[in-house]
Each structure stands twice: as C-alpha cells, then as structure tokens.
Amino acid sequence: MELKIVNWIREYCIDNKIKCLVVGISGGIDSALVSTLCAMTGFKTIVVSLPIHQDKSQLNRANNHVIWLQSKFDNVEFVEKNISEIFDNFKSIFENSDDLSLANTRSRLRMTSLYHISSINGGIVVGTGNKIEDFGIGFFTKYGDGGVDISPIADLTKTEVRELSKKLEIDKEILLAKPTDGLWDDGRCDEDQIGATYEELEFAMNFHDNLSFLDNRQIEVLGIYNDLNQKNKHKMIPIPIFKKNGSN
C-alpha cells in the first residue's frame, strides 16, 4: 500500500509541477507516517514543527522522528518555528475566548505558517488526517489542520495507519503514544475529547447491522459516532453555495 500512496503523491507533484512537499509534524503517528511517505517520493520534503507551549514529550518524539527521517532520506529539510508568542498575542487581544476557540486558533495559526513556508518554496501542504477524523467524526479544525492541498492517508483507518507505520519502522515511541492533537494546555488526548478509541470508532463507522446484536458499550460508541458525525457534518461536505439559476 505504501508504494501506491507514494506513487500517487509523486504523480500529483509531476502533473501539477510541484517543487516540494510541506508536512507539519506533531510527534504523532499520522504526521510521522505522512512525512515518511512524502520523503519516499524523492521530492524535497520540508518537515515543520510549530510548537505552541508544546508538551516536551511531543516535541521529543517529533525531533527524534526528524533525525530518523534525515538519516534515511537526503531530500528532507527540517524547520522549527516556535509560534507561542504569536498565539499569546492573539489570546491577549481576544480576552473572552474559550478553551475550544483557542484550541482551534492554535491549529489555524499552524495552518497559516505551513502555507507561508509552502508558498516561499513552491510547494503544497500535505494533510495528515486519517479516515475516521476526516470522514467519520470530523475531528479536525476547519481551516486549521483541515486546510491542506492533498490528503494521502484520508482513506486509511487508524489501524491501517499503525500497521503501515510499523511496516516502515517508524519510531516505536510514536507507535505507542496516545493520539493527541496537542492543542490543549491540559494535555488531553484524542480519546479524552471523543469519548471512544479509534478502534471503537472504526467499528461504528462500518456498522450496518442490527442493534440487537450489540452490547451496551457498542451502543454507546455508536451514539458517540453518530452524534459527532452529524455535529461536524459541515466540515466534511462542500461549502453550500447559493445558485441563482437552479435548485440548492
């Protein structure tokens, strides 16, 4: 599967005269896999770390991944820009912000930074969202980490991401780390926010059977999945457009 994804990225770059690939990394498995696949294309790959008051363990995993990548591929460049001060200035201007709006602001500041780096290098921003996040529960920030040019792993479940990452020998510490978006001061992981594991959500996403066969936890997870799917539907469908000559 990895070669199919690599060839898909490479062909996109050739067809669209793209000079380089820009990937934001967090110390998590999704961005580690995507940056590896991009490096495998042979195209210049700029791996970017954009800490905002980041947990040191996340930064260490990201830095170790970069060291590993650069030991294997000579087309990988690393950029690290601490944008905590920008975030703090933004936060001081909007005094009444809540935790969720600030978490989304972190993601959008990173998106803006990635596109700046992409623009000055003639590149594109490569997405790191998986299938559950992008098409199941909409677990991403609109115009934040959802603001990308291509999405190489958006059709892969978290289980498939882990399997492929293991095959490519990505750092074991990254493989075992709890998934987190790194957007919260209290360090909450994805499961804390969602209320279910990715494996449980994969079950819910693929469930098309009779509820009578489910146990209480499976019914609860199905409810979590359906609620988030409906709540975040606006992120996962095209922006509605009023059409003056036709039905809407």
Protein backbone atom coordinates (compact mmCIF):
# COMPACT_ATOMS: atom_id res chain seq x y z
CA MET A 1 0.00 0.00 0.00
CA GLU A 2 2.82 2.41 0.83
CA LEU A 3 4.14 2.33 -2.75
CA LYS A 4 0.69 3.11 -4.13
CA ILE A 5 0.42 6.16 -1.86
CA VAL A 6 3.97 7.28 -2.67
CA ASN A 7 3.32 6.97 -6.41
CA TRP A 8 0.03 8.86 -6.01
CA ILE A 9 1.82 11.76 -4.29
CA ARG A 10 4.64 11.71 -6.83
CA GLU A 11 2.28 11.73 -9.81
CA TYR A 12 0.34 14.64 -8.31
CA CYS A 13 3.54 16.62 -7.95
CA ILE A 14 4.62 15.88 -11.52
CA ASP A 15 1.21 16.66 -13.02
CA ASN A 16 0.94 19.94 -11.12
CA LYS A 17 4.60 21.00 -11.32
CA ILE A 18 5.01 20.95 -7.55
CA LYS A 19 8.54 21.56 -6.26
CA CYS A 20 8.23 20.37 -2.68
CA LEU A 21 6.01 18.88 -0.01
CA VAL A 22 5.38 20.58 3.34
CA VAL A 23 4.26 18.48 6.30
CA GLY A 24 3.53 19.67 9.81
CA ILE A 25 4.62 17.14 12.41
CA SER A 26 3.37 16.81 15.97
CA GLY A 27 5.12 13.76 17.37
CA GLY A 28 2.07 11.68 16.49
CA ILE A 29 1.74 8.66 14.25
CA ASP A 30 -0.32 10.25 11.45
CA SER A 31 2.15 13.05 10.73
CA ALA A 32 5.08 10.66 11.14
CA LEU A 33 3.63 8.34 8.51
CA VAL A 34 2.74 11.13 6.07
CA SER A 35 6.16 12.77 6.33
CA THR A 36 7.79 9.39 5.69
CA LEU A 37 5.63 8.71 2.64
CA CYS A 38 6.42 12.19 1.30
CA ALA A 39 10.15 11.64 1.79
CA MET A 40 9.87 8.36 -0.11
CA THR A 41 8.70 10.24 -3.23
CA GLY A 42 12.16 11.74 -3.72
CA PHE A 43 10.67 15.24 -3.83
CA LYS A 44 12.01 17.86 -1.46
CA THR A 45 10.12 17.34 1.78
CA ILE A 46 10.04 20.12 4.37
CA VAL A 47 9.07 18.75 7.77
CA VAL A 48 7.80 21.50 10.06
CA SER A 49 7.43 21.65 13.83
CA LEU A 50 5.36 24.58 15.11
CA PRO A 51 5.22 24.35 18.90
CA ILE A 52 2.78 26.47 20.85
CA HIS A 53 3.56 25.87 24.53
CA GLN A 54 4.03 22.25 23.49
CA ASP A 55 4.47 19.29 25.80
CA LYS A 56 8.15 18.28 25.82
CA SER A 57 7.38 14.61 25.17
CA GLN A 58 5.58 15.55 21.95
CA LEU A 59 8.50 17.72 20.84
CA ASN A 60 11.00 14.98 21.65
CA ARG A 61 9.07 12.44 19.59
CA ALA A 62 8.86 14.89 16.68
CA ASN A 63 12.58 15.69 16.84
CA ASN A 64 13.54 12.03 17.06
CA HIS A 65 11.38 11.33 14.01
CA VAL A 66 13.15 14.08 12.06
CA ILE A 67 16.56 12.64 13.00
CA TRP A 68 15.40 9.22 11.79
CA LEU A 69 13.97 10.67 8.56
CA GLN A 70 17.11 12.60 7.73
CA SER A 71 19.24 9.52 8.37
CA LYS A 72 17.27 7.68 5.66
CA PHE A 73 16.46 10.41 3.13
CA ASP A 74 18.66 13.23 1.83
CA ASN A 75 15.65 15.17 0.48
CA VAL A 76 14.28 16.03 3.95
CA GLU A 77 14.65 19.51 5.42
CA PHE A 78 13.56 20.44 8.93
CA VAL A 79 12.04 23.75 10.02
CA GLU A 80 11.11 24.53 13.60
CA LYS A 81 9.38 27.78 14.49
CA ASN A 82 8.06 28.39 17.98
CA ILE A 83 4.91 30.42 17.45
CA SER A 84 3.87 30.59 21.11
CA GLU A 85 4.35 34.36 21.20
CA ILE A 86 2.05 34.86 18.22
CA PHE A 87 -0.60 32.76 19.93
CA ASP A 88 -0.18 34.65 23.21
CA ASN A 89 -0.57 37.99 21.43
CA PHE A 90 -3.72 36.76 19.71
CA LYS A 91 -5.09 35.49 23.03
CA SER A 92 -4.41 38.84 24.74
CA ILE A 93 -6.39 40.70 22.06
CA PHE A 94 -9.44 38.43 22.29
CA GLU A 95 -9.89 38.35 26.06
CA ASN A 96 -13.22 36.48 26.11
CA SER A 97 -12.05 33.42 24.17
CA ASP A 98 -12.99 29.97 25.48
CA ASP A 99 -10.80 26.88 25.52
CA LEU A 100 -12.25 25.41 22.33
CA SER A 101 -11.85 28.60 20.30
CA LEU A 102 -8.24 28.90 21.47
CA ALA A 103 -7.51 25.28 20.59
CA ASN A 104 -8.84 25.92 17.08
CA THR A 105 -6.80 29.12 16.89
CA ARG A 106 -3.62 27.15 17.56
CA SER A 107 -4.47 24.87 14.67
CA ARG A 108 -5.25 27.78 12.34
CA LEU A 109 -2.03 29.60 13.21
CA ARG A 110 -0.14 26.45 12.29
CA MET A 111 -2.03 26.18 9.01
CA THR A 112 -1.13 29.79 8.17
CA SER A 113 2.52 29.08 8.97
CA LEU A 114 2.60 25.92 6.85
CA TYR A 115 1.13 27.76 3.87
CA HIS A 116 3.68 30.56 4.28
CA ILE A 117 6.50 28.02 4.17
CA SER A 118 4.83 26.25 1.27
CA SER A 119 4.43 29.48 -0.71
CA ILE A 120 8.05 30.58 -0.47
CA ASN A 121 9.23 27.11 -1.51
CA GLY A 122 6.84 26.47 -4.39
CA GLY A 123 5.26 23.61 -2.51
CA ILE A 124 1.97 22.25 -1.23
CA VAL A 125 0.73 21.48 2.26
CA VAL A 126 0.19 17.77 2.79
CA GLY A 127 -2.61 16.70 5.14
CA THR A 128 -2.17 14.20 7.96
CA GLY A 129 -5.80 13.33 8.74
CA ASN A 130 -6.99 9.72 8.71
CA LYS A 131 -10.34 8.31 7.58
CA ILE A 132 -12.06 8.42 10.97
CA GLU A 133 -11.07 12.04 11.54
CA ASP A 134 -11.71 13.35 8.03
CA PHE A 135 -14.82 11.42 7.00
CA GLY A 136 -16.21 9.80 10.14
CA ILE A 137 -16.46 12.26 13.02
CA GLY A 138 -14.93 15.44 11.58
CA PHE A 139 -12.25 15.52 14.26
CA PHE A 140 -10.21 18.38 12.85
CA THR A 141 -10.23 22.15 12.82
CA LYS A 142 -11.96 23.74 9.86
CA TYR A 143 -9.33 25.85 8.07
CA GLY A 144 -6.79 24.56 10.56
CA ASP A 145 -5.38 21.07 10.18
CA GLY A 146 -8.25 20.56 7.73
CA GLY A 147 -6.71 23.23 5.47
CA VAL A 148 -4.48 21.18 3.16
CA ASP A 149 -3.80 20.58 -0.53
CA ILE A 150 -3.69 16.78 -0.64
CA SER A 151 -4.57 14.04 1.85
CA PRO A 152 -2.53 10.86 1.39
CA ILE A 153 -3.92 8.86 4.34
CA ALA A 154 -7.51 10.15 4.47
CA ASP A 155 -8.77 6.77 3.25
CA LEU A 156 -6.81 4.84 5.89
CA THR A 157 -8.24 3.91 9.29
CA LYS A 158 -6.13 4.42 12.39
CA THR A 159 -5.50 0.67 12.46
CA GLU A 160 -4.17 0.81 8.91
CA VAL A 161 -2.04 3.85 9.80
CA ARG A 162 -0.48 1.91 12.68
CA GLU A 163 0.12 -1.18 10.56
CA LEU A 164 1.77 0.80 7.77
CA SER A 165 3.86 2.83 10.23
CA LYS A 166 5.08 -0.35 11.87
CA LYS A 167 5.98 -1.78 8.47
CA LEU A 168 8.00 1.34 7.65
CA GLU A 169 9.79 1.05 11.02
CA ILE A 170 8.66 4.38 12.40
CA ASP A 171 9.86 5.02 15.96
CA LYS A 172 8.23 2.65 18.45
CA GLU A 173 7.67 5.52 20.89
CA ILE A 174 5.47 7.20 18.28
CA LEU A 175 3.65 3.95 17.58
CA LEU A 176 2.79 3.53 21.27
CA ALA A 177 1.96 7.16 22.08
CA LYS A 178 -1.66 8.06 22.79
CA PRO A 179 -3.09 10.01 19.85
CA THR A 180 -3.40 13.71 20.64
CA ASP A 181 -3.89 16.91 18.66
CA GLY A 182 -1.63 18.83 21.04
CA LEU A 183 -3.99 21.81 21.14
CA TRP A 184 -4.89 21.85 24.83
CA ASP A 185 -2.96 23.16 27.83
CA ASP A 186 -4.11 20.24 29.97
CA GLY A 187 -2.60 17.70 27.56
CA ARG A 188 -5.83 15.83 26.90
CA CYS A 189 -5.58 13.05 24.31
CA ASP A 190 -7.97 12.35 21.44
CA GLU A 191 -9.79 9.64 23.39
CA ASP A 192 -10.42 12.09 26.25
CA GLN A 193 -12.04 14.51 23.82
CA ILE A 194 -14.01 11.99 21.79
CA GLY A 195 -15.05 9.53 24.49
CA ALA A 196 -14.06 6.50 22.43
CA THR A 197 -10.96 4.87 20.99
CA TYR A 198 -10.19 4.89 17.27
CA GLU A 199 -10.74 1.13 17.17
CA GLU A 200 -14.22 1.59 18.62
CA LEU A 201 -14.96 4.37 16.13
CA GLU A 202 -13.82 2.15 13.24
CA PHE A 203 -16.38 -0.40 14.37
CA ALA A 204 -19.07 2.29 14.48
CA MET A 205 -18.14 3.68 11.07
CA ASN A 206 -18.51 0.25 9.49
CA PHE A 207 -21.60 -0.86 11.42
CA HIS A 208 -24.63 -1.58 9.24
CA ASP A 209 -26.30 -4.34 11.21
CA ASN A 210 -28.98 -4.92 13.83
CA LEU A 211 -28.62 -3.08 17.14
CA SER A 212 -29.90 -6.13 18.98
CA PHE A 213 -26.51 -7.79 18.44
CA LEU A 214 -24.61 -5.03 20.26
CA ASP A 215 -23.57 -4.79 23.90
CA ASN A 216 -24.08 -1.61 25.95
CA ARG A 217 -20.64 -0.17 25.19
CA GLN A 218 -21.01 -0.75 21.46
CA ILE A 219 -24.38 1.02 21.51
CA GLU A 220 -22.79 3.91 23.44
CA VAL A 221 -19.94 4.19 20.92
CA LEU A 222 -22.37 4.09 18.03
CA GLY A 223 -24.20 7.01 19.65
CA ILE A 224 -20.92 8.95 20.08
CA TYR A 225 -20.01 8.33 16.45
CA ASN A 226 -23.41 9.35 15.08
CA ASP A 227 -23.59 12.48 17.25
CA LEU A 228 -20.14 13.68 16.15
CA ASN A 229 -20.81 12.77 12.54
CA GLN A 230 -23.93 14.94 12.50
CA LYS A 231 -22.44 17.77 14.57
CA ASN A 232 -19.37 18.05 12.34
CA LYS A 233 -21.03 17.31 9.02
CA HIS A 234 -20.39 20.90 7.91
CA LYS A 235 -16.65 20.16 7.92
CA MET A 236 -16.94 17.04 5.79
CA ILE A 237 -19.14 18.28 2.95
CA PRO A 238 -18.55 21.00 0.34
CA ILE A 239 -19.39 24.57 1.38
CA PRO A 240 -23.04 25.29 0.50
CA ILE A 241 -23.38 27.66 -2.45
CA PHE A 242 -26.49 29.58 -3.40
CA LYS A 243 -27.22 29.05 -7.08
CA LYS A 244 -29.24 31.79 -8.71
CA ASN A 245 -30.30 29.54 -11.60
CA GLY A 246 -31.05 26.18 -10.08
CA SER A 247 -32.00 24.22 -7.02
CA ASN A 248 -29.98 24.47 -3.81
